[in-house]
Amino acid sequence: MECLHGKAASNSTTDKGSFWFCGQKPSCGFLCTEEDGYLFQTALTAWRATGLTQPICESHRKPAKFRVVKDMLKKSYGRPYFMCASRENPCSLWMWADEKEIKKPNCYHNEEASQETRSQYG
């Protein structure tokens, strides 16, 4: 198991179970249970494939928390996402971790191009 740094995650067992966590300084905030290990490892692979870095929450100036949709009834089951790591005062930071935003091309006037859909008959 690897953390968001790409380094080996540390493992600890408590009375609540076994956990994987980031043992690096500074920590990336990675934390998952032993039973969710495969789900998180698959989600980390999807995130790394985008080539994106861990986002920083602009409000709190801290790395965003990496999470995975664990509800099996949801269509997005297993998808990774980032959210604000602050428990006390979370901001609105939330984004899919496996989607890379595609920058719109600029037009001839060096402004962001808009998209128009036309019917093949008109």
C-alpha atoms as a PDB file:
ATOM      1  CA  MET A   1       0.000   0.000   0.000  1.00  0.00           C
ATOM      2  CA  GLU A   2       1.288   3.463  -0.905  1.00  0.00           C
ATOM      3  CA  CYS A   3       0.265   6.895   0.339  1.00  0.00           C
ATOM      4  CA  LEU A   4      -0.296   9.946  -1.892  1.00  0.00           C
ATOM      5  CA  HIS A   5       3.461  10.643  -1.852  1.00  0.00           C
ATOM      6  CA  GLY A   6       3.984   7.319  -3.646  1.00  0.00           C
ATOM      7  CA  LYS A   7       5.912   5.997  -0.620  1.00  0.00           C
ATOM      8  CA  ALA A   8       5.133   2.880   1.388  1.00  0.00           C
ATOM      9  CA  ALA A   9       2.279   3.572   3.801  1.00  0.00           C
ATOM     10  CA  SER A  10       2.672   2.687   7.477  1.00  0.00           C
ATOM     11  CA  ASN A  11       0.380   0.164   9.139  1.00  0.00           C
ATOM     12  CA  SER A  12      -1.012   0.199  12.659  1.00  0.00           C
ATOM     13  CA  THR A  13      -3.413  -2.052  14.520  1.00  0.00           C
ATOM     14  CA  THR A  14      -5.616  -0.713  17.296  1.00  0.00           C
ATOM     15  CA  ASP A  15      -8.657  -2.024  19.138  1.00  0.00           C
ATOM     16  CA  LYS A  16     -10.729  -0.509  16.281  1.00  0.00           C
ATOM     17  CA  GLY A  17      -8.915  -2.489  13.588  1.00  0.00           C
ATOM     18  CA  SER A  18      -5.927  -2.232  11.268  1.00  0.00           C
ATOM     19  CA  PHE A  19      -5.182   0.999   9.362  1.00  0.00           C
ATOM     20  CA  TRP A  20      -2.859   2.235   6.632  1.00  0.00           C
ATOM     21  CA  PHE A  21      -1.617   5.820   6.976  1.00  0.00           C
ATOM     22  CA  CYS A  22       1.011   8.225   5.670  1.00  0.00           C
ATOM     23  CA  GLY A  23       4.147   8.112   7.814  1.00  0.00           C
ATOM     24  CA  GLN A  24       5.947  10.892   5.902  1.00  0.00           C
ATOM     25  CA  LYS A  25       6.716  14.388   7.191  1.00  0.00           C
ATOM     26  CA  PRO A  26       4.767  16.413   6.231  1.00  0.00           C
ATOM     27  CA  SER A  27       1.897  13.959   5.984  1.00  0.00           C
ATOM     28  CA  CYS A  28      -0.304  13.799   2.888  1.00  0.00           C
ATOM     29  CA  GLY A  29      -3.206  12.818   5.165  1.00  0.00           C
ATOM     30  CA  PHE A  30      -3.654   9.350   3.652  1.00  0.00           C
ATOM     31  CA  LEU A  31      -5.661   7.010   5.907  1.00  0.00           C
ATOM     32  CA  CYS A  32      -7.670   3.880   5.137  1.00  0.00           C
ATOM     33  CA  THR A  33      -8.763   0.740   6.907  1.00  0.00           C
ATOM     34  CA  GLU A  34      -7.229  -2.619   6.093  1.00  0.00           C
ATOM     35  CA  GLU A  35     -10.572  -3.802   4.683  1.00  0.00           C
ATOM     36  CA  ASP A  36     -10.751  -0.806   2.286  1.00  0.00           C
ATOM     37  CA  GLY A  37      -7.133  -1.252   1.153  1.00  0.00           C
ATOM     38  CA  TYR A  38      -7.908  -2.711  -2.286  1.00  0.00           C
ATOM     39  CA  LEU A  39     -10.555  -0.063  -2.980  1.00  0.00           C
ATOM     40  CA  PHE A  40      -8.134   2.740  -2.048  1.00  0.00           C
ATOM     41  CA  GLN A  41      -5.235   1.218  -4.004  1.00  0.00           C
ATOM     42  CA  THR A  42      -7.406   1.009  -7.137  1.00  0.00           C
ATOM     43  CA  ALA A  43      -8.579   4.605  -6.609  1.00  0.00           C
ATOM     44  CA  LEU A  44      -4.983   5.814  -6.114  1.00  0.00           C
ATOM     45  CA  THR A  45      -4.009   4.189  -9.421  1.00  0.00           C
ATOM     46  CA  ALA A  46      -6.857   6.034 -11.189  1.00  0.00           C
ATOM     47  CA  TRP A  47      -5.759   9.347  -9.613  1.00  0.00           C
ATOM     48  CA  ARG A  48      -2.088   8.847 -10.515  1.00  0.00           C
ATOM     49  CA  ALA A  49      -3.063   8.129 -14.144  1.00  0.00           C
ATOM     50  CA  THR A  50      -4.331  11.725 -14.446  1.00  0.00           C
ATOM     51  CA  GLY A  51      -0.887  13.138 -13.619  1.00  0.00           C
ATOM     52  CA  LEU A  52      -2.485  15.653 -11.246  1.00  0.00           C
ATOM     53  CA  THR A  53      -1.016  16.604  -7.877  1.00  0.00           C
ATOM     54  CA  GLN A  54      -2.793  16.622  -4.535  1.00  0.00           C
ATOM     55  CA  PRO A  55      -4.805  19.865  -4.411  1.00  0.00           C
ATOM     56  CA  ILE A  56      -4.275  22.414  -1.659  1.00  0.00           C
ATOM     57  CA  CYS A  57      -7.322  23.910   0.028  1.00  0.00           C
ATOM     58  CA  GLU A  58      -7.077  27.654  -0.629  1.00  0.00           C
ATOM     59  CA  SER A  59      -9.105  28.561   2.471  1.00  0.00           C
ATOM     60  CA  HIS A  60      -7.031  26.537   4.954  1.00  0.00           C
ATOM     61  CA  ARG A  61      -3.719  26.224   3.038  1.00  0.00           C
ATOM     62  CA  LYS A  62      -3.602  22.480   3.742  1.00  0.00           C
ATOM     63  CA  PRO A  63      -3.559  19.433   1.445  1.00  0.00           C
ATOM     64  CA  ALA A  64      -7.028  18.174   0.536  1.00  0.00           C
ATOM     65  CA  LYS A  65      -8.222  14.851   1.953  1.00  0.00           C
ATOM     66  CA  PHE A  66      -8.236  11.872  -0.451  1.00  0.00           C
ATOM     67  CA  ARG A  67     -11.461   9.870  -0.179  1.00  0.00           C
ATOM     68  CA  VAL A  68     -13.197   7.081  -2.085  1.00  0.00           C
ATOM     69  CA  VAL A  69     -16.927   6.580  -2.689  1.00  0.00           C
ATOM     70  CA  LYS A  70     -17.707   3.478  -0.607  1.00  0.00           C
ATOM     71  CA  ASP A  71     -21.482   3.249  -1.059  1.00  0.00           C
ATOM     72  CA  MET A  72     -21.988   0.189  -3.276  1.00  0.00           C
ATOM     73  CA  LEU A  73     -25.422   1.407  -4.356  1.00  0.00           C
ATOM     74  CA  LYS A  74     -23.993   4.530  -5.987  1.00  0.00           C
ATOM     75  CA  LYS A  75     -22.981   4.602  -9.634  1.00  0.00           C
ATOM     76  CA  SER A  76     -19.735   6.293  -8.563  1.00  0.00           C
ATOM     77  CA  TYR A  77     -18.702   3.429  -6.221  1.00  0.00           C
ATOM     78  CA  GLY A  78     -14.906   3.204  -6.021  1.00  0.00           C
ATOM     79  CA  ARG A  79     -14.258   6.650  -7.534  1.00  0.00           C
ATOM     80  CA  PRO A  80     -11.627   8.773  -5.819  1.00  0.00           C
ATOM     81  CA  TYR A  81     -12.260  12.373  -4.828  1.00  0.00           C
ATOM     82  CA  PHE A  82     -10.641  15.178  -2.849  1.00  0.00           C
ATOM     83  CA  MET A  83     -12.376  17.293  -0.231  1.00  0.00           C
ATOM     84  CA  CYS A  84     -11.431  19.886   2.375  1.00  0.00           C
ATOM     85  CA  ALA A  85      -9.512  18.217   5.218  1.00  0.00           C
ATOM     86  CA  SER A  86     -10.782  20.584   7.924  1.00  0.00           C
ATOM     87  CA  ARG A  87     -13.256  18.875  10.260  1.00  0.00           C
ATOM     88  CA  GLU A  88     -14.106  21.959  12.319  1.00  0.00           C
ATOM     89  CA  ASN A  89     -14.697  24.460   9.525  1.00  0.00           C
ATOM     90  CA  PRO A  90     -14.734  22.742   6.105  1.00  0.00           C
ATOM     91  CA  CYS A  91     -14.852  24.887   2.994  1.00  0.00           C
ATOM     92  CA  SER A  92     -16.466  23.980  -0.328  1.00  0.00           C
ATOM     93  CA  LEU A  93     -13.407  22.230  -1.827  1.00  0.00           C
ATOM     94  CA  TRP A  94     -14.587  19.022  -3.520  1.00  0.00           C
ATOM     95  CA  MET A  95     -13.425  17.479  -6.802  1.00  0.00           C
ATOM     96  CA  TRP A  96     -13.157  14.115  -8.522  1.00  0.00           C
ATOM     97  CA  ALA A  97      -9.576  12.847  -8.343  1.00  0.00           C
ATOM     98  CA  ASP A  98      -9.770  10.784 -11.534  1.00  0.00           C
ATOM     99  CA  GLU A  99     -10.908  13.577 -13.876  1.00  0.00           C
ATOM    100  CA  LYS A 100      -8.498  15.925 -15.532  1.00  0.00           C
ATOM    101  CA  GLU A 101     -10.040  19.245 -16.501  1.00  0.00           C
ATOM    102  CA  ILE A 102      -9.621  19.869 -20.204  1.00  0.00           C
ATOM    103  CA  LYS A 103      -8.591  23.413 -20.978  1.00  0.00           C
ATOM    104  CA  LYS A 104     -10.697  25.029 -23.679  1.00  0.00           C
ATOM    105  CA  PRO A 105      -8.749  26.203 -26.720  1.00  0.00           C
ATOM    106  CA  ASN A 106      -8.374  29.882 -27.531  1.00  0.00           C
ATOM    107  CA  CYS A 107      -9.968  31.346 -30.629  1.00  0.00           C
ATOM    108  CA  TYR A 108      -8.314  33.623 -33.197  1.00  0.00           C
ATOM    109  CA  HIS A 109      -8.831  36.603 -30.843  1.00  0.00           C
ATOM    110  CA  ASN A 110      -6.864  34.789 -28.111  1.00  0.00           C
ATOM    111  CA  GLU A 111      -9.992  34.377 -25.985  1.00  0.00           C
ATOM    112  CA  GLU A 112     -11.506  31.165 -24.664  1.00  0.00           C
ATOM    113  CA  ALA A 113     -13.464  29.489 -27.445  1.00  0.00           C
ATOM    114  CA  SER A 114     -17.106  28.591 -26.937  1.00  0.00           C
ATOM    115  CA  GLN A 115     -18.766  25.419 -28.127  1.00  0.00           C
ATOM    116  CA  GLU A 116     -21.757  25.378 -30.419  1.00  0.00           C
ATOM    117  CA  THR A 117     -23.797  22.369 -31.475  1.00  0.00           C
ATOM    118  CA  ARG A 118     -25.494  22.438 -34.848  1.00  0.00           C
ATOM    119  CA  SER A 119     -27.986  20.134 -36.424  1.00  0.00           C
ATOM    120  CA  GLN A 120     -26.758  18.254 -39.472  1.00  0.00           C
ATOM    121  CA  TYR A 121     -29.884  19.475 -41.278  1.00  0.00           C
ATOM    122  CA  GLY A 122     -29.657  23.165 -40.582  1.00  0.00           C
END
